């Protein structure tokens, strides 16, 4: 049903991204991933994205109030 709603005819990829999931057509996911990994200067871009992702996780941890202490 979901594949029909987003007009995907083939296989899909479900990718976890921080606190959400993304549903991609398999071919598009692999094309985007290949482009990201094969782009010149990708090391610095991946490092920046990783740094931003961990910063978001740290913000969530700081906002989280433990139930049991």
Protein backbone atom coordinates (compact mmCIF):
# COMPACT_ATOMS: atom_id res chain seq x y z
CA UNK A 1 0.00 0.00 0.00
CA UNK A 2 2.79 2.44 0.90
CA UNK A 3 4.68 1.61 -2.29
CA UNK A 4 1.57 2.49 -4.30
CA UNK A 5 1.10 5.74 -2.39
CA UNK A 6 4.62 6.94 -3.19
CA UNK A 7 4.59 5.37 -6.67
CA UNK A 8 7.47 2.93 -6.15
CA UNK A 9 7.31 -0.02 -8.49
CA UNK A 10 10.39 -2.03 -7.44
CA UNK A 11 12.31 -2.79 -4.28
CA UNK A 12 12.70 -0.28 -1.47
CA UNK A 13 15.38 0.52 1.09
CA UNK A 14 14.44 1.46 4.64
CA UNK A 15 17.22 3.52 6.19
CA UNK A 16 17.44 4.64 9.81
CA UNK A 17 18.50 8.26 10.17
CA UNK A 18 18.86 9.45 13.77
CA UNK A 19 15.33 9.26 15.19
CA UNK A 20 13.43 8.66 11.94
CA UNK A 21 13.30 6.26 9.03
CA UNK A 22 13.50 7.02 5.35
CA UNK A 23 11.94 4.89 2.62
CA UNK A 24 13.75 5.06 -0.73
CA UNK A 25 13.36 3.34 -4.08
CA UNK A 26 16.36 0.96 -4.08
CA UNK A 27 17.90 2.32 -7.28
CA UNK A 28 17.63 5.96 -6.16
CA UNK A 29 19.09 5.16 -2.73
CA UNK A 30 22.13 3.46 -4.23
CA UNK A 31 22.59 6.24 -6.80
CA UNK A 32 22.51 8.92 -4.06
CA UNK A 33 24.88 6.90 -1.86
CA UNK A 34 27.32 6.33 -4.74
CA UNK A 35 27.25 10.03 -5.62
CA UNK A 36 27.95 10.99 -2.01
CA UNK A 37 30.81 8.52 -1.60
CA UNK A 38 32.44 9.21 -4.97
CA UNK A 39 32.28 13.00 -4.84
CA UNK A 40 35.62 14.80 -4.53
CA UNK A 41 36.13 16.12 -1.04
CA UNK A 42 33.57 13.69 0.33
CA UNK A 43 35.69 12.99 3.41
CA UNK A 44 35.20 16.51 4.72
CA UNK A 45 31.51 16.48 3.78
CA UNK A 46 30.95 13.15 5.55
CA UNK A 47 32.87 14.41 8.56
CA UNK A 48 30.69 17.52 8.71
CA UNK A 49 27.48 15.48 8.44
CA UNK A 50 28.69 13.08 11.14
CA UNK A 51 29.59 15.97 13.42
CA UNK A 52 26.14 17.52 12.91
CA UNK A 53 24.41 14.19 13.57
CA UNK A 54 26.28 13.63 16.83
CA UNK A 55 25.59 17.22 17.89
CA UNK A 56 21.87 16.51 17.48
CA UNK A 57 22.21 13.36 19.58
CA UNK A 58 24.01 15.31 22.31
CA UNK A 59 21.22 17.91 22.31
CA UNK A 60 18.64 15.15 22.73
CA UNK A 61 20.65 13.60 25.59
CA UNK A 62 20.87 16.96 27.36
CA UNK A 63 17.11 17.49 26.99
CA UNK A 64 16.34 13.96 28.21
CA UNK A 65 15.35 13.70 31.86
CA UNK A 66 16.01 10.22 33.24
CA UNK A 67 13.03 8.49 34.80
CA UNK A 68 15.12 6.52 37.29
CA UNK A 69 18.14 7.95 39.03
